[in-house]
Protein backbone atom coordinates (compact mmCIF):
# COMPACT_ATOMS: atom_id res chain seq x y z
CA UNK A 1 139.48 48.28 164.35
CA UNK A 2 139.88 48.19 160.58
CA UNK A 3 140.24 51.32 158.47
CA UNK A 4 136.96 50.50 156.71
CA UNK A 5 135.17 50.47 160.05
CA UNK A 6 136.77 53.76 161.09
CA UNK A 7 135.86 55.44 157.81
CA UNK A 8 132.33 54.05 158.07
CA UNK A 9 131.95 55.36 161.63
CA UNK A 10 133.31 58.80 160.70
CA UNK A 11 130.93 58.89 157.72
CA UNK A 12 127.92 57.92 159.82
CA UNK A 13 128.75 60.54 162.46
CA UNK A 14 129.08 63.24 159.79
CA UNK A 15 125.80 62.16 158.20
CA UNK A 16 124.00 62.26 161.56
CA UNK A 17 125.30 65.76 162.25
CA UNK A 18 124.18 66.91 158.80
CA UNK A 19 120.72 65.36 159.14
CA UNK A 20 120.26 66.86 162.60
CA UNK A 21 121.28 70.31 161.35
CA UNK A 22 118.81 70.07 158.46
CA UNK A 23 116.02 68.98 160.80
CA UNK A 24 116.70 71.87 163.20
CA UNK A 25 116.79 74.42 160.37
CA UNK A 26 113.54 73.12 158.86
CA UNK A 27 111.88 73.19 162.28
CA UNK A 28 112.82 76.87 162.77
CA UNK A 29 111.22 77.94 159.49
CA UNK A 30 107.52 78.33 158.92
CA UNK A 31 105.70 77.43 155.71
CA UNK A 32 105.30 81.10 154.78
CA UNK A 33 109.03 81.90 154.81
CA UNK A 34 110.34 78.56 153.51
CA UNK A 35 112.92 79.13 150.77
CA UNK A 36 113.57 76.04 148.67
CA UNK A 37 116.77 77.51 147.17
CA UNK A 38 118.36 77.76 150.61
CA UNK A 39 117.61 74.09 151.35
CA UNK A 40 120.10 72.67 148.87
CA UNK A 41 122.10 70.21 150.95
CA UNK A 42 125.79 69.85 150.21
CA UNK A 43 127.81 66.88 151.35
CA UNK A 44 130.22 67.79 154.13
CA UNK A 45 133.63 66.23 154.55
CA UNK A 46 136.33 66.41 157.20
CA UNK A 47 137.72 69.64 155.75
CA UNK A 48 134.39 71.51 155.82
CA UNK A 49 132.49 69.67 158.55
CA UNK A 50 135.01 69.29 161.35
CA UNK A 51 137.10 71.55 163.58
CA UNK A 52 140.40 70.02 162.47
CA UNK A 53 142.77 72.81 163.52
CA UNK A 54 144.78 72.07 166.65
CA UNK A 55 147.42 69.78 168.09
CA UNK A 56 147.24 66.00 167.89
CA UNK A 57 149.42 63.64 169.94
CA UNK A 58 150.00 59.94 170.20
CA UNK A 59 152.47 57.07 170.27
CA UNK A 60 152.69 54.96 167.14
CA UNK A 61 154.84 51.96 166.26
CA UNK A 62 157.60 52.41 163.70
CA UNK A 63 158.54 50.00 160.93
CA UNK A 64 161.29 48.55 163.12
CA UNK A 65 158.93 47.97 166.05
CA UNK A 66 160.01 50.87 168.26
CA UNK A 67 157.39 53.29 169.64
CA UNK A 68 157.49 56.87 168.38
CA UNK A 69 155.98 59.87 170.16
CA UNK A 70 154.30 62.03 167.50
CA UNK A 71 152.83 65.51 167.76
CA UNK A 72 151.22 67.31 164.81
CA UNK A 73 149.78 70.81 164.86
CA UNK A 74 147.47 71.77 161.99
CA UNK A 75 146.84 75.45 161.34
CA UNK A 76 143.95 77.07 159.48
CA UNK A 77 146.37 78.49 156.87
CA UNK A 78 147.28 74.91 155.77
CA UNK A 79 150.62 74.91 157.59
CA UNK A 80 151.73 72.23 160.01
CA UNK A 81 154.40 71.46 162.58
CA UNK A 82 155.34 67.88 163.33
CA UNK A 83 157.72 66.42 165.88
CA UNK A 84 158.55 62.84 166.68
CA UNK A 85 160.91 61.02 168.94
CA UNK A 86 161.71 57.37 169.59
CA UNK A 87 160.68 56.69 173.18
CA UNK A 88 163.81 54.70 174.04
CA UNK A 89 166.22 57.40 172.90
CA UNK A 90 167.45 60.29 174.94
CA UNK A 91 167.93 62.26 171.72
CA UNK A 92 165.85 65.38 171.14
CA UNK A 93 162.73 65.19 169.02
CA UNK A 94 162.90 65.78 165.26
CA UNK A 95 160.88 68.81 164.11
CA UNK A 96 159.58 69.75 160.70
CA UNK A 97 157.25 72.43 159.41
CA UNK A 98 155.54 72.80 156.09
CA UNK A 99 152.23 73.02 154.31
CA UNK A 100 149.61 70.36 153.80
CA UNK A 101 147.05 69.63 151.11
CA UNK A 102 143.70 67.84 151.22
CA UNK A 103 142.76 64.93 148.98
CA UNK A 104 139.95 65.45 146.45
CA UNK A 105 137.32 64.14 148.88
CA UNK A 106 138.47 66.48 151.67
CA UNK A 107 139.07 63.73 154.23
CA UNK A 108 142.81 62.99 154.06
CA UNK A 109 145.67 65.46 154.49
CA UNK A 110 149.11 65.09 152.94
CA UNK A 111 151.94 66.76 154.88
CA UNK A 112 154.26 68.26 152.28
CA UNK A 113 158.02 67.89 152.52
CA UNK A 114 158.17 64.62 154.45
CA UNK A 115 158.47 62.43 151.36
CA UNK A 116 162.16 63.19 150.98
CA UNK A 117 162.75 61.73 154.46
CA UNK A 118 160.60 58.70 153.62
CA UNK A 119 158.29 59.53 156.51
CA UNK A 120 154.56 58.77 156.54
CA UNK A 121 152.73 61.88 155.47
CA UNK A 122 149.07 61.00 154.94
CA UNK A 123 146.46 61.15 157.70
CA UNK A 124 142.72 60.58 157.68
CA UNK A 125 141.06 63.45 159.56
CA UNK A 126 138.25 62.45 161.93
CA UNK A 127 136.44 64.10 164.83
CA UNK A 128 139.33 65.05 167.15
CA UNK A 129 141.62 62.39 165.66
CA UNK A 130 144.19 61.88 162.93
CA UNK A 131 144.70 58.35 161.64
CA UNK A 132 148.02 57.53 160.04
CA UNK A 133 147.51 55.97 156.63
CA UNK A 134 149.84 52.95 156.41
CA UNK A 135 151.83 52.93 153.18
CA UNK A 136 152.03 49.58 151.48
CA UNK A 137 153.99 48.69 148.41
CA UNK A 138 151.01 49.11 146.06
CA UNK A 139 148.98 51.78 147.86
CA UNK A 140 147.52 52.34 151.28
CA UNK A 141 146.30 49.73 153.72
CA UNK A 142 142.75 49.84 155.02
CA UNK A 143 143.60 47.46 157.87
CA UNK A 144 145.12 49.66 160.57
CA UNK A 145 145.40 48.85 164.26
CA UNK A 146 144.08 51.34 166.80
CA UNK A 147 147.60 52.42 167.72
CA UNK A 148 147.94 54.51 164.54
CA UNK A 149 145.55 57.15 165.91
CA UNK A 150 146.62 60.58 167.17
CA UNK A 151 144.15 62.39 169.41
CA UNK A 152 143.49 66.12 169.59
CA UNK A 153 144.68 67.83 172.77
């Protein structure tokens, strides 16, 4: 599934949740107590509209073709823990901790501190999933295979 399709699906799901919430709220109110000021609708994003805290796990391919077990825990205080291990190796997993930031739209997180190790550090946040953003020479790819998805446990 392409990144454009994934982003479109996540957007549609968020829009449906928002529309349903507005419909339920309007249904609960009567005409006599309707307050137009409270009906201003703001656009939700992954940061404000999803329960993104928690632990995500998955197996993703590395640049050299080996599979890597990845686990990322996102905390409400914008800290993270990440561990990864090549499946073929008997070596212990690598662990890092740090803080993360959100992009301006509130849909992608950037795990701080991983750049110095040349590790991928940007993930699209969806409903119970993180999608690794593939770094290309001139930006990020929007054509990602399904095996770049970590699921919430």
